[in-house]
Amino acid sequence: MIPEFPVYIFDVDGTLVDSAADICGAIQGVLANTPQCNVSDEALRLYIGRHLYDLFQDLFPGRSRVEMDEMIADYRTRYLARSHSSTKAFPGIADALAALPGRKSTATTKGTPTTRAVLEMFGLLRYFDHVQGTDGFPAKPEPDVILASLKIFGVQPEDCLFVGDSPTDMEAGRRAGVKTCAVLWGYGRREDMARWEPDYWAEHPSELHI
């Protein structure tokens, strides 16, 4: 059973919304311009929540930072053009957010404006007291995006539960000093998240509240 916390911080992609089809579709559009680069959506899903530099560095270790910046810009154009048409909120997540006490924020690799737009599109924005994206500071697994919300709320790490679906989330939570909850309806593999010893596990959004 997961106890109540004064503050809840949520990852977005793979935790609140199922956005893999739009994210992977946009990445595949970028990769289509690169001959002999065949990557499955299943493999790409494991990178969701990490910075795109991680993916492109792994796929193209010889490319320059300028070339990767161009690929990332191409991805962002393609992703926004999809208008989240294949994205949907996970079943039960709205009910779980409505039932949870305390204040709520986000911790995502997306920028704050995009995060706010996604939450509003799927009827989730009303449940959040603050929306925090990665704006000009290091992305997860660095803890900065989590610490930004703690600062806004004026609370200590022990007052917060961070909910995410990837090993990157679990590492960021550990480094921020907050309690962590690994969810199993997203894109991360149980064995990869388990290495960071999450404080709690959830197989369905209803398990997030008492």
N, C-alpha and C. Protein backbone atom coordinates (compact mmCIF):
# COMPACT_ATOMS: atom_id res chain seq x y z
N MET A 1 0.85 -1.20 0.00
CA MET A 1 0.00 0.00 0.00
C MET A 1 0.88 1.25 0.00
N ILE A 2 0.53 2.21 -0.83
CA ILE A 2 1.30 3.45 -0.93
C ILE A 2 0.68 4.49 -0.01
N PRO A 3 1.44 5.03 0.92
CA PRO A 3 0.88 6.03 1.84
C PRO A 3 0.65 7.36 1.14
N GLU A 4 -0.04 8.26 1.81
CA GLU A 4 -0.26 9.59 1.26
C GLU A 4 0.99 10.45 1.41
N PHE A 5 1.20 11.34 0.44
CA PHE A 5 2.33 12.27 0.46
C PHE A 5 1.81 13.70 0.28
N PRO A 6 2.52 14.69 0.84
CA PRO A 6 2.12 16.08 0.61
C PRO A 6 2.26 16.51 -0.84
N VAL A 7 3.24 15.91 -1.56
CA VAL A 7 3.50 16.30 -2.95
C VAL A 7 3.70 15.04 -3.79
N TYR A 8 3.11 15.06 -4.99
CA TYR A 8 3.31 14.00 -5.97
C TYR A 8 3.85 14.63 -7.25
N ILE A 9 4.91 14.05 -7.77
CA ILE A 9 5.47 14.52 -9.04
C ILE A 9 5.42 13.37 -10.03
N PHE A 10 4.95 13.66 -11.23
CA PHE A 10 4.72 12.62 -12.22
C PHE A 10 5.56 12.82 -13.48
N ASP A 11 6.18 11.75 -13.93
CA ASP A 11 6.64 11.68 -15.30
C ASP A 11 5.40 11.75 -16.19
N VAL A 12 5.57 12.08 -17.46
CA VAL A 12 4.43 12.23 -18.36
C VAL A 12 4.31 11.08 -19.35
N ASP A 13 5.28 10.96 -20.25
CA ASP A 13 5.21 9.94 -21.30
C ASP A 13 5.45 8.55 -20.71
N GLY A 14 4.45 7.68 -20.85
CA GLY A 14 4.55 6.34 -20.29
C GLY A 14 4.03 6.22 -18.88
N THR A 15 3.69 7.36 -18.27
CA THR A 15 3.14 7.36 -16.92
C THR A 15 1.73 7.93 -16.91
N LEU A 16 1.57 9.12 -17.47
CA LEU A 16 0.25 9.74 -17.57
C LEU A 16 -0.40 9.48 -18.93
N VAL A 17 0.40 9.57 -19.97
CA VAL A 17 -0.15 9.38 -21.32
C VAL A 17 0.65 8.34 -22.09
N ASP A 18 -0.06 7.60 -22.94
CA ASP A 18 0.56 6.62 -23.83
C ASP A 18 0.86 7.33 -25.14
N SER A 19 2.08 7.82 -25.27
CA SER A 19 2.48 8.66 -26.41
C SER A 19 3.51 7.99 -27.30
N ALA A 20 3.74 6.70 -27.09
CA ALA A 20 4.81 6.01 -27.82
C ALA A 20 4.63 6.08 -29.33
N ALA A 21 3.39 5.94 -29.81
CA ALA A 21 3.16 5.93 -31.25
C ALA A 21 3.58 7.25 -31.89
N ASP A 22 3.28 8.38 -31.23
CA ASP A 22 3.66 9.67 -31.78
C ASP A 22 5.16 9.93 -31.65
N ILE A 23 5.72 9.57 -30.51
CA ILE A 23 7.16 9.78 -30.30
C ILE A 23 7.97 8.90 -31.26
N CYS A 24 7.65 7.61 -31.30
CA CYS A 24 8.40 6.70 -32.17
C CYS A 24 8.17 7.03 -33.64
N GLY A 25 6.95 7.44 -33.97
CA GLY A 25 6.67 7.81 -35.35
C GLY A 25 7.50 9.00 -35.80
N ALA A 26 7.64 10.00 -34.92
CA ALA A 26 8.45 11.17 -35.26
C ALA A 26 9.93 10.80 -35.38
N ILE A 27 10.41 9.94 -34.49
CA ILE A 27 11.81 9.50 -34.57
C ILE A 27 12.04 8.71 -35.85
N GLN A 28 11.11 7.81 -36.18
CA GLN A 28 11.27 7.02 -37.40
C GLN A 28 11.30 7.93 -38.63
N GLY A 29 10.57 9.04 -38.59
CA GLY A 29 10.61 9.99 -39.68
C GLY A 29 11.99 10.60 -39.85
N VAL A 30 12.63 10.90 -38.72
CA VAL A 30 14.00 11.43 -38.76
C VAL A 30 14.96 10.37 -39.29
N LEU A 31 14.83 9.15 -38.79
CA LEU A 31 15.75 8.08 -39.18
C LEU A 31 15.57 7.67 -40.63
N ALA A 32 14.40 7.94 -41.19
CA ALA A 32 14.16 7.58 -42.59
C ALA A 32 15.11 8.30 -43.53
N ASN A 33 15.67 9.40 -43.07
CA ASN A 33 16.63 10.16 -43.88
C ASN A 33 18.04 9.60 -43.78
N THR A 34 18.21 8.57 -42.95
CA THR A 34 19.53 7.98 -42.75
C THR A 34 19.56 6.58 -43.32
N PRO A 35 20.29 6.36 -44.40
CA PRO A 35 20.33 5.03 -45.02
C PRO A 35 20.81 3.95 -44.05
N GLN A 36 20.21 2.78 -44.18
CA GLN A 36 20.63 1.58 -43.44
C GLN A 36 20.52 1.75 -41.92
N CYS A 37 19.60 2.58 -41.48
CA CYS A 37 19.37 2.71 -40.03
C CYS A 37 17.98 2.16 -39.72
N ASN A 38 17.93 0.92 -39.31
CA ASN A 38 16.66 0.26 -39.01
C ASN A 38 16.57 -0.01 -37.52
N VAL A 39 15.67 0.70 -36.86
CA VAL A 39 15.48 0.55 -35.42
C VAL A 39 14.01 0.28 -35.17
N SER A 40 13.70 -0.73 -34.39
CA SER A 40 12.31 -1.07 -34.12
C SER A 40 11.69 -0.08 -33.14
N ASP A 41 10.37 0.05 -33.20
CA ASP A 41 9.66 0.87 -32.21
C ASP A 41 9.89 0.33 -30.80
N GLU A 42 9.97 -0.98 -30.67
CA GLU A 42 10.20 -1.58 -29.36
C GLU A 42 11.50 -1.08 -28.75
N ALA A 43 12.54 -0.98 -29.58
CA ALA A 43 13.83 -0.47 -29.08
C ALA A 43 13.73 1.02 -28.76
N LEU A 44 13.02 1.76 -29.59
CA LEU A 44 12.89 3.20 -29.36
C LEU A 44 12.12 3.51 -28.08
N ARG A 45 11.15 2.67 -27.75
CA ARG A 45 10.34 2.89 -26.55
C ARG A 45 11.20 2.95 -25.29
N LEU A 46 12.30 2.22 -25.29
CA LEU A 46 13.18 2.19 -24.11
C LEU A 46 13.91 3.51 -23.91
N TYR A 47 13.92 4.36 -24.95
CA TYR A 47 14.56 5.67 -24.83
C TYR A 47 13.58 6.77 -24.44
N ILE A 48 12.30 6.47 -24.43
CA ILE A 48 11.31 7.50 -24.10
C ILE A 48 11.53 7.97 -22.66
N GLY A 49 11.59 9.27 -22.50
CA GLY A 49 11.87 9.84 -21.18
C GLY A 49 13.31 10.27 -21.03
N ARG A 50 14.18 9.79 -21.93
CA ARG A 50 15.57 10.23 -21.94
C ARG A 50 15.74 11.32 -23.01
N HIS A 51 16.83 12.06 -22.91
CA HIS A 51 17.06 13.09 -23.91
C HIS A 51 17.38 12.43 -25.25
N LEU A 52 16.95 13.06 -26.32
CA LEU A 52 17.20 12.51 -27.65
C LEU A 52 18.68 12.39 -27.98
N TYR A 53 19.52 13.18 -27.32
CA TYR A 53 20.96 13.04 -27.53
C TYR A 53 21.40 11.61 -27.19
N ASP A 54 20.83 11.03 -26.14
CA ASP A 54 21.22 9.67 -25.76
C ASP A 54 20.96 8.70 -26.90
N LEU A 55 19.78 8.81 -27.50
CA LEU A 55 19.43 7.93 -28.61
C LEU A 55 20.35 8.15 -29.81
N PHE A 56 20.49 9.39 -30.24
CA PHE A 56 21.26 9.67 -31.45
C PHE A 56 22.75 9.40 -31.25
N GLN A 57 23.26 9.59 -30.04
CA GLN A 57 24.66 9.26 -29.78
C GLN A 57 24.88 7.76 -29.86
N ASP A 58 23.91 6.99 -29.37
CA ASP A 58 24.04 5.53 -29.44
C ASP A 58 23.95 5.04 -30.88
N LEU A 59 23.07 5.65 -31.68
CA LEU A 59 22.89 5.22 -33.06
C LEU A 59 23.98 5.75 -33.99
N PHE A 60 24.45 6.97 -33.72
CA PHE A 60 25.40 7.62 -34.62
C PHE A 60 26.57 8.20 -33.82
N PRO A 61 27.42 7.35 -33.24
CA PRO A 61 28.48 7.85 -32.37
C PRO A 61 29.49 8.76 -33.06
N GLY A 62 29.55 8.70 -34.38
CA GLY A 62 30.52 9.52 -35.09
C GLY A 62 30.00 10.89 -35.48
N ARG A 63 28.73 11.17 -35.22
CA ARG A 63 28.16 12.45 -35.65
C ARG A 63 28.48 13.57 -34.66
N SER A 64 28.56 14.77 -35.21
CA SER A 64 28.88 15.93 -34.39
C SER A 64 27.66 16.41 -33.62
N ARG A 65 27.91 17.27 -32.65
CA ARG A 65 26.82 17.85 -31.88
C ARG A 65 25.91 18.68 -32.79
N VAL A 66 26.49 19.37 -33.74
CA VAL A 66 25.68 20.17 -34.67
C VAL A 66 24.75 19.27 -35.47
N GLU A 67 25.25 18.15 -35.95
CA GLU A 67 24.41 17.22 -36.72
C GLU A 67 23.28 16.67 -35.86
N MET A 68 23.59 16.34 -34.60
CA MET A 68 22.55 15.81 -33.71
C MET A 68 21.53 16.90 -33.36
N ASP A 69 21.99 18.14 -33.21
CA ASP A 69 21.05 19.24 -32.98
C ASP A 69 20.07 19.37 -34.15
N GLU A 70 20.56 19.17 -35.36
CA GLU A 70 19.70 19.23 -36.54
C GLU A 70 18.68 18.10 -36.52
N MET A 71 19.10 16.91 -36.10
CA MET A 71 18.18 15.78 -36.02
C MET A 71 17.12 16.01 -34.95
N ILE A 72 17.53 16.59 -33.84
CA ILE A 72 16.58 16.88 -32.76
C ILE A 72 15.57 17.93 -33.20
N ALA A 73 16.04 18.95 -33.91
CA ALA A 73 15.12 19.97 -34.43
C ALA A 73 14.13 19.35 -35.41
N ASP A 74 14.62 18.43 -36.24
CA ASP A 74 13.75 17.73 -37.18
C ASP A 74 12.71 16.91 -36.42
N TYR A 75 13.15 16.22 -35.37
CA TYR A 75 12.21 15.44 -34.55
C TYR A 75 11.12 16.33 -33.97
N ARG A 76 11.51 17.45 -33.39
CA ARG A 76 10.53 18.32 -32.74
C ARG A 76 9.50 18.83 -33.73
N THR A 77 9.94 19.17 -34.93
CA THR A 77 9.00 19.61 -35.96
C THR A 77 8.01 18.49 -36.31
N ARG A 78 8.55 17.29 -36.49
CA ARG A 78 7.70 16.15 -36.85
C ARG A 78 6.75 15.78 -35.70
N TYR A 79 7.26 15.83 -34.47
CA TYR A 79 6.43 15.46 -33.32
C TYR A 79 5.25 16.42 -33.17
N LEU A 80 5.53 17.71 -33.25
CA LEU A 80 4.45 18.70 -33.11
C LEU A 80 3.46 18.60 -34.25
N ALA A 81 3.95 18.26 -35.46
CA ALA A 81 3.06 18.15 -36.61
C ALA A 81 2.08 17.00 -36.47
N ARG A 82 2.42 16.02 -35.66
CA ARG A 82 1.51 14.88 -35.44
C ARG A 82 0.32 15.26 -34.55
N SER A 83 0.44 16.40 -33.84
CA SER A 83 -0.65 16.94 -33.01
C SER A 83 -1.18 15.92 -32.00
N HIS A 84 -0.30 15.04 -31.52
CA HIS A 84 -0.65 14.05 -30.49
C HIS A 84 -1.83 13.18 -30.93
N SER A 85 -1.94 12.97 -32.25
CA SER A 85 -3.11 12.27 -32.78
C SER A 85 -3.19 10.80 -32.36
N SER A 86 -2.06 10.20 -32.03
CA SER A 86 -2.05 8.80 -31.62
C SER A 86 -1.80 8.63 -30.12
N THR A 87 -1.82 9.74 -29.39
CA THR A 87 -1.58 9.72 -27.95
C THR A 87 -2.91 9.65 -27.20
N LYS A 88 -2.90 9.02 -26.04
CA LYS A 88 -4.10 8.95 -25.20
C LYS A 88 -3.68 8.82 -23.74
N ALA A 89 -4.53 9.27 -22.87
CA ALA A 89 -4.28 9.10 -21.44
C ALA A 89 -4.46 7.62 -21.08
N PHE A 90 -3.63 7.14 -20.19
CA PHE A 90 -3.78 5.76 -19.75
C PHE A 90 -5.11 5.60 -19.01
N PRO A 91 -5.81 4.49 -19.23
CA PRO A 91 -7.07 4.25 -18.51
C PRO A 91 -6.87 4.30 -17.00
N GLY A 92 -7.72 5.04 -16.34
CA GLY A 92 -7.68 5.12 -14.88
C GLY A 92 -6.79 6.21 -14.33
N ILE A 93 -5.99 6.87 -15.19
CA ILE A 93 -5.05 7.85 -14.65
C ILE A 93 -5.77 9.11 -14.18
N ALA A 94 -6.83 9.53 -14.86
CA ALA A 94 -7.57 10.73 -14.43
C ALA A 94 -8.22 10.48 -13.07
N ASP A 95 -8.81 9.31 -12.89
CA ASP A 95 -9.43 8.98 -11.61
C ASP A 95 -8.39 8.94 -10.50
N ALA A 96 -7.22 8.41 -10.80
CA ALA A 96 -6.17 8.34 -9.78
C ALA A 96 -5.71 9.73 -9.38
N LEU A 97 -5.51 10.62 -10.35
CA LEU A 97 -5.10 11.98 -10.04
C LEU A 97 -6.16 12.71 -9.22
N ALA A 98 -7.42 12.49 -9.56
CA ALA A 98 -8.50 13.14 -8.83
C ALA A 98 -8.57 12.66 -7.39
N ALA A 99 -8.22 11.40 -7.16
CA ALA A 99 -8.33 10.82 -5.82
C ALA A 99 -7.14 11.13 -4.93
N LEU A 100 -6.00 11.47 -5.53
CA LEU A 100 -4.80 11.70 -4.74
C LEU A 100 -4.88 13.02 -3.98
N PRO A 101 -4.48 13.03 -2.72
CA PRO A 101 -4.40 14.28 -1.96
C PRO A 101 -3.12 15.02 -2.30
N GLY A 102 -2.90 16.11 -1.66
CA GLY A 102 -1.63 16.80 -1.83
C GLY A 102 -1.53 17.56 -3.15
N ARG A 103 -0.39 18.23 -3.31
CA ARG A 103 -0.14 19.00 -4.52
C ARG A 103 0.57 18.13 -5.55
N LYS A 104 0.42 18.50 -6.81
CA LYS A 104 0.94 17.67 -7.89
C LYS A 104 1.69 18.52 -8.91
N SER A 105 2.76 17.93 -9.44
CA SER A 105 3.53 18.56 -10.48
C SER A 105 4.02 17.48 -11.44
N THR A 106 4.77 17.91 -12.45
CA THR A 106 5.31 16.98 -13.43
C THR A 106 6.83 17.07 -13.46
N ALA A 107 7.46 16.04 -13.99
CA ALA A 107 8.90 16.03 -14.21
C ALA A 107 9.14 15.25 -15.49
N THR A 108 9.31 15.96 -16.58
CA THR A 108 9.38 15.34 -17.90
C THR A 108 10.50 15.97 -18.72
N THR A 109 10.98 15.22 -19.69
CA THR A 109 11.99 15.75 -20.60
C THR A 109 11.39 16.76 -21.57
N LYS A 110 10.09 16.74 -21.76
CA LYS A 110 9.43 17.76 -22.58
C LYS A 110 9.63 19.14 -21.95
N GLY A 111 9.57 20.18 -22.79
CA GLY A 111 9.56 21.53 -22.26
C GLY A 111 8.23 21.82 -21.56
N THR A 112 8.21 22.82 -20.71
CA THR A 112 7.00 23.13 -19.95
C THR A 112 5.81 23.49 -20.84
N PRO A 113 5.97 24.35 -21.86
CA PRO A 113 4.80 24.67 -22.70
C PRO A 113 4.19 23.45 -23.38
N THR A 114 5.04 22.56 -23.90
CA THR A 114 4.53 21.35 -24.54
C THR A 114 3.83 20.45 -23.52
N THR A 115 4.42 20.34 -22.34
CA THR A 115 3.82 19.51 -21.29
C THR A 115 2.44 20.03 -20.91
N ARG A 116 2.34 21.33 -20.73
CA ARG A 116 1.05 21.93 -20.38
C ARG A 116 0.01 21.67 -21.47
N ALA A 117 0.43 21.79 -22.73
CA ALA A 117 -0.49 21.58 -23.84
C ALA A 117 -0.98 20.13 -23.89
N VAL A 118 -0.08 19.20 -23.64
CA VAL A 118 -0.46 17.78 -23.64
C VAL A 118 -1.44 17.48 -22.50
N LEU A 119 -1.15 17.96 -21.31
CA LEU A 119 -2.04 17.72 -20.18
C LEU A 119 -3.42 18.32 -20.41
N GLU A 120 -3.45 19.51 -21.01
CA GLU A 120 -4.74 20.15 -21.27
C GLU A 120 -5.51 19.37 -22.33
N MET A 121 -4.83 18.89 -23.36
CA MET A 121 -5.50 18.17 -24.43
C MET A 121 -6.21 16.93 -23.92
N PHE A 122 -5.61 16.27 -22.92
CA PHE A 122 -6.18 15.02 -22.43
C PHE A 122 -6.91 15.16 -21.09
N GLY A 123 -7.27 16.40 -20.75
CA GLY A 123 -8.10 16.65 -19.59
C GLY A 123 -7.43 16.42 -18.26
N LEU A 124 -6.10 16.50 -18.23
CA LEU A 124 -5.37 16.22 -17.00
C LEU A 124 -4.81 17.48 -16.33
N LEU A 125 -4.78 18.58 -17.04
CA LEU A 125 -4.14 19.79 -16.50
C LEU A 125 -4.80 20.25 -15.21
N ARG A 126 -6.10 20.09 -15.09
CA ARG A 126 -6.83 20.60 -13.92
C ARG A 126 -6.40 19.92 -12.62
N TYR A 127 -5.74 18.79 -12.73
CA TYR A 127 -5.33 18.06 -11.52
C TYR A 127 -3.97 18.52 -11.01
N PHE A 128 -3.30 19.41 -11.73
CA PHE A 128 -1.93 19.79 -11.37
C PHE A 128 -1.86 21.21 -10.84
N ASP A 129 -1.12 21.36 -9.74
CA ASP A 129 -0.89 22.67 -9.15
C ASP A 129 0.26 23.39 -9.85
N HIS A 130 1.13 22.61 -10.48
CA HIS A 130 2.28 23.18 -11.18
C HIS A 130 2.64 22.23 -12.31
N VAL A 131 3.15 22.77 -13.40
CA VAL A 131 3.64 21.96 -14.52
C VAL A 131 5.11 22.30 -14.72
N GLN A 132 5.96 21.29 -14.64
CA GLN A 132 7.39 21.52 -14.76
C GLN A 132 7.98 20.62 -15.84
N GLY A 133 8.53 21.26 -16.86
CA GLY A 133 9.27 20.53 -17.88
C GLY A 133 10.75 20.81 -17.76
N THR A 134 11.52 20.28 -18.69
CA THR A 134 12.97 20.49 -18.69
C THR A 134 13.27 21.72 -19.53
N ASP A 135 13.54 22.81 -18.85
CA ASP A 135 13.70 24.12 -19.50
C ASP A 135 15.09 24.68 -19.24
N GLY A 136 16.03 24.38 -20.12
CA GLY A 136 17.35 24.98 -20.01
C GLY A 136 18.25 24.40 -18.94
N PHE A 137 17.91 23.23 -18.44
CA PHE A 137 18.79 22.55 -17.49
C PHE A 137 18.87 21.08 -17.86
N PRO A 138 19.79 20.32 -17.27
CA PRO A 138 19.99 18.92 -17.67
C PRO A 138 18.74 18.07 -17.49
N ALA A 139 18.52 17.17 -18.43
CA ALA A 139 17.36 16.27 -18.39
C ALA A 139 17.63 15.09 -17.46
N LYS A 140 16.56 14.39 -17.10
CA LYS A 140 16.70 13.15 -16.34
C LYS A 140 17.67 12.22 -17.07
N PRO A 141 18.54 11.50 -16.38
CA PRO A 141 18.48 11.16 -14.95
C PRO A 141 19.03 12.19 -13.98
N GLU A 142 19.47 13.35 -14.48
CA GLU A 142 19.79 14.43 -13.54
C GLU A 142 18.52 14.79 -12.78
N PRO A 143 18.65 15.21 -11.52
CA PRO A 143 17.46 15.44 -10.68
C PRO A 143 16.84 16.82 -10.83
N ASP A 144 17.39 17.66 -11.71
CA ASP A 144 17.02 19.08 -11.74
C ASP A 144 15.53 19.33 -11.90
N VAL A 145 14.87 18.57 -12.78
CA VAL A 145 13.45 18.82 -13.05
C VAL A 145 12.59 18.49 -11.83
N ILE A 146 13.00 17.53 -11.05
CA ILE A 146 12.29 17.21 -9.80
C ILE A 146 12.56 18.28 -8.76
N LEU A 147 13.81 18.67 -8.63
CA LEU A 147 14.17 19.68 -7.64
C LEU A 147 13.49 21.01 -7.92
N ALA A 148 13.23 21.30 -9.20
CA ALA A 148 12.56 22.56 -9.55
C ALA A 148 11.16 22.62 -8.93
N SER A 149 10.43 21.50 -8.96
CA SER A 149 9.09 21.48 -8.36
C SER A 149 9.16 21.55 -6.84
N LEU A 150 10.13 20.87 -6.25
CA LEU A 150 10.28 20.94 -4.80
C LEU A 150 10.52 22.39 -4.36
N LYS A 151 11.30 23.11 -5.14
CA LYS A 151 11.58 24.50 -4.82
C LYS A 151 10.32 25.35 -4.94
N ILE A 152 9.55 25.12 -5.99
CA ILE A 152 8.29 25.86 -6.19
C ILE A 152 7.34 25.63 -5.01
N PHE A 153 7.24 24.38 -4.56
CA PHE A 153 6.32 24.04 -3.48
C PHE A 153 6.90 24.34 -2.10
N GLY A 154 8.21 24.55 -2.02
CA GLY A 154 8.84 24.83 -0.74
C GLY A 154 8.81 23.66 0.22
N VAL A 155 9.04 22.45 -0.32
CA VAL A 155 9.00 21.24 0.50
C VAL A 155 10.33 20.51 0.44
N GLN A 156 10.52 19.58 1.36
CA GLN A 156 11.71 18.77 1.41
C GLN A 156 11.53 17.50 0.56
N PRO A 157 12.62 16.89 0.11
CA PRO A 157 12.49 15.68 -0.71
C PRO A 157 11.67 14.57 -0.06
N GLU A 158 11.79 14.43 1.24
CA GLU A 158 11.06 13.35 1.92
C GLU A 158 9.54 13.55 1.91
N ASP A 159 9.10 14.76 1.53
CA ASP A 159 7.67 15.04 1.44
C ASP A 159 7.07 14.66 0.09
N CYS A 160 7.89 14.10 -0.80
CA CYS A 160 7.48 13.92 -2.19
C CYS A 160 7.56 12.46 -2.63
N LEU A 161 6.59 12.06 -3.46
CA LEU A 161 6.63 10.78 -4.16
C LEU A 161 6.73 11.08 -5.65
N PHE A 162 7.77 10.55 -6.29
CA PHE A 162 7.94 10.70 -7.73
C PHE A 162 7.50 9.42 -8.42
N VAL A 163 6.60 9.56 -9.38
CA VAL A 163 5.99 8.43 -10.06
C VAL A 163 6.46 8.40 -11.51
N GLY A 164 7.08 7.29 -11.92
CA GLY A 164 7.58 7.20 -13.28
C GLY A 164 7.63 5.77 -13.78
N ASP A 165 7.97 5.63 -15.05
CA ASP A 165 7.89 4.30 -15.69
C ASP A 165 9.21 3.81 -16.25
N SER A 166 10.32 4.47 -15.93
CA SER A 166 11.58 4.09 -16.56
C SER A 166 12.72 4.08 -15.55
N PRO A 167 13.80 3.38 -15.87
CA PRO A 167 14.98 3.42 -14.99
C PRO A 167 15.54 4.83 -14.88
N THR A 168 15.41 5.62 -15.94
CA THR A 168 15.85 7.02 -15.88
C THR A 168 15.08 7.79 -14.82
N ASP A 169 13.77 7.54 -14.74
CA ASP A 169 12.95 8.18 -13.70
C ASP A 169 13.41 7.75 -12.31
N MET A 170 13.63 6.45 -12.15
CA MET A 170 14.00 5.95 -10.83
C MET A 170 15.36 6.50 -10.40
N GLU A 171 16.29 6.60 -11.33
CA GLU A 171 17.59 7.18 -11.01
C GLU A 171 17.46 8.65 -10.63
N ALA A 172 16.67 9.39 -11.40
CA ALA A 172 16.48 10.82 -11.10
C ALA A 172 15.85 11.00 -9.73
N GLY A 173 14.87 10.16 -9.41
CA GLY A 173 14.24 10.25 -8.09
C GLY A 173 15.21 9.96 -6.97
N ARG A 174 16.03 8.94 -7.15
CA ARG A 174 17.03 8.61 -6.13
C ARG A 174 17.99 9.77 -5.94
N ARG A 175 18.43 10.36 -7.04
CA ARG A 175 19.39 11.45 -6.95
C ARG A 175 18.78 12.71 -6.35
N ALA A 176 17.45 12.85 -6.48
CA ALA A 176 16.76 14.00 -5.88
C ALA A 176 16.46 13.76 -4.40
N GLY A 177 16.56 12.52 -3.95
CA GLY A 177 16.30 12.21 -2.55
C GLY A 177 14.84 12.02 -2.21
N VAL A 178 13.98 11.86 -3.25
CA VAL A 178 12.55 11.68 -3.00
C VAL A 178 12.21 10.19 -2.98
N LYS A 179 11.02 9.86 -2.50
CA LYS A 179 10.52 8.50 -2.61
C LYS A 179 10.11 8.25 -4.06
N THR A 180 10.23 7.00 -4.49
CA THR A 180 9.92 6.69 -5.88
C THR A 180 8.89 5.58 -5.98
N CYS A 181 8.07 5.69 -7.03
CA CYS A 181 7.09 4.65 -7.36
C CYS A 181 7.26 4.28 -8.83
N ALA A 182 7.58 3.03 -9.11
CA ALA A 182 7.74 2.54 -10.47
C ALA A 182 6.41 1.97 -10.96
N VAL A 183 5.92 2.48 -12.07
CA VAL A 183 4.67 1.97 -12.62
C VAL A 183 4.96 0.99 -13.75
N LEU A 184 4.08 0.01 -13.90
CA LEU A 184 4.33 -1.09 -14.83
C LEU A 184 3.44 -1.06 -16.06
N TRP A 185 2.70 0.05 -16.25
CA TRP A 185 1.86 0.15 -17.45
C TRP A 185 2.56 0.98 -18.55
N GLY A 186 3.76 1.41 -18.30
CA GLY A 186 4.47 2.25 -19.26
C GLY A 186 5.46 1.49 -20.11
N TYR A 187 6.62 2.10 -20.35
CA TYR A 187 7.56 1.58 -21.34
C TYR A 187 8.81 0.94 -20.74
N GLY A 188 9.08 1.21 -19.48
CA GLY A 188 10.28 0.66 -18.85
C GLY A 188 10.12 -0.80 -18.48
N ARG A 189 11.22 -1.51 -18.43
CA ARG A 189 11.21 -2.91 -18.03
C ARG A 189 11.39 -3.03 -16.53
N ARG A 190 10.65 -3.94 -15.93
CA ARG A 190 10.68 -4.11 -14.48
C ARG A 190 12.11 -4.32 -13.98
N GLU A 191 12.86 -5.20 -14.67
CA GLU A 191 14.20 -5.52 -14.19
C GLU A 191 15.13 -4.32 -14.24
N ASP A 192 14.93 -3.43 -15.21
CA ASP A 192 15.77 -2.23 -15.30
C ASP A 192 15.44 -1.24 -14.20
N MET A 193 14.14 -1.08 -13.91
CA MET A 193 13.76 -0.16 -12.83
C MET A 193 14.15 -0.72 -11.47
N ALA A 194 14.10 -2.03 -11.32
CA ALA A 194 14.39 -2.66 -10.03
C ALA A 194 15.82 -2.39 -9.56
N ARG A 195 16.71 -2.13 -10.49
CA ARG A 195 18.10 -1.84 -10.11
C ARG A 195 18.21 -0.59 -9.25
N TRP A 196 17.22 0.29 -9.35
CA TRP A 196 17.23 1.52 -8.56
C TRP A 196 16.37 1.40 -7.30
N GLU A 197 15.91 0.19 -7.02
CA GLU A 197 15.19 -0.12 -5.78
C GLU A 197 14.07 0.88 -5.49
N PRO A 198 13.06 0.94 -6.35
CA PRO A 198 11.93 1.84 -6.08
C PRO A 198 11.30 1.55 -4.72
N ASP A 199 10.80 2.59 -4.10
CA ASP A 199 10.15 2.41 -2.79
C ASP A 199 8.80 1.72 -2.94
N TYR A 200 8.14 1.94 -4.08
CA TYR A 200 6.82 1.35 -4.31
C TYR A 200 6.70 0.94 -5.78
N TRP A 201 5.79 0.01 -6.02
CA TRP A 201 5.46 -0.44 -7.37
C TRP A 201 3.95 -0.31 -7.56
N ALA A 202 3.53 -0.04 -8.80
CA ALA A 202 2.10 0.03 -9.11
C ALA A 202 1.85 -0.61 -10.47
N GLU A 203 0.89 -1.53 -10.51
CA GLU A 203 0.52 -2.19 -11.77
C GLU A 203 -0.65 -1.51 -12.45
N HIS A 204 -1.38 -0.68 -11.71
CA HIS A 204 -2.53 0.05 -12.26
C HIS A 204 -2.62 1.39 -11.55
N PRO A 205 -3.08 2.45 -12.22
CA PRO A 205 -3.19 3.75 -11.57
C PRO A 205 -3.99 3.76 -10.27
N SER A 206 -4.95 2.87 -10.15
CA SER A 206 -5.76 2.83 -8.92
C SER A 206 -4.92 2.50 -7.70
N GLU A 207 -3.76 1.90 -7.89
CA GLU A 207 -2.90 1.54 -6.76
C GLU A 207 -2.11 2.73 -6.21
N LEU A 208 -2.19 3.87 -6.88
CA LEU A 208 -1.44 5.03 -6.43
C LEU A 208 -2.07 5.70 -5.20
N HIS A 209 -3.33 5.41 -4.95
CA HIS A 209 -3.99 6.04 -3.80
C HIS A 209 -4.63 4.96 -2.94
N ILE A 210 -4.83 5.31 -1.69
CA ILE A 210 -5.40 4.36 -0.71
C ILE A 210 -6.85 4.12 -1.00
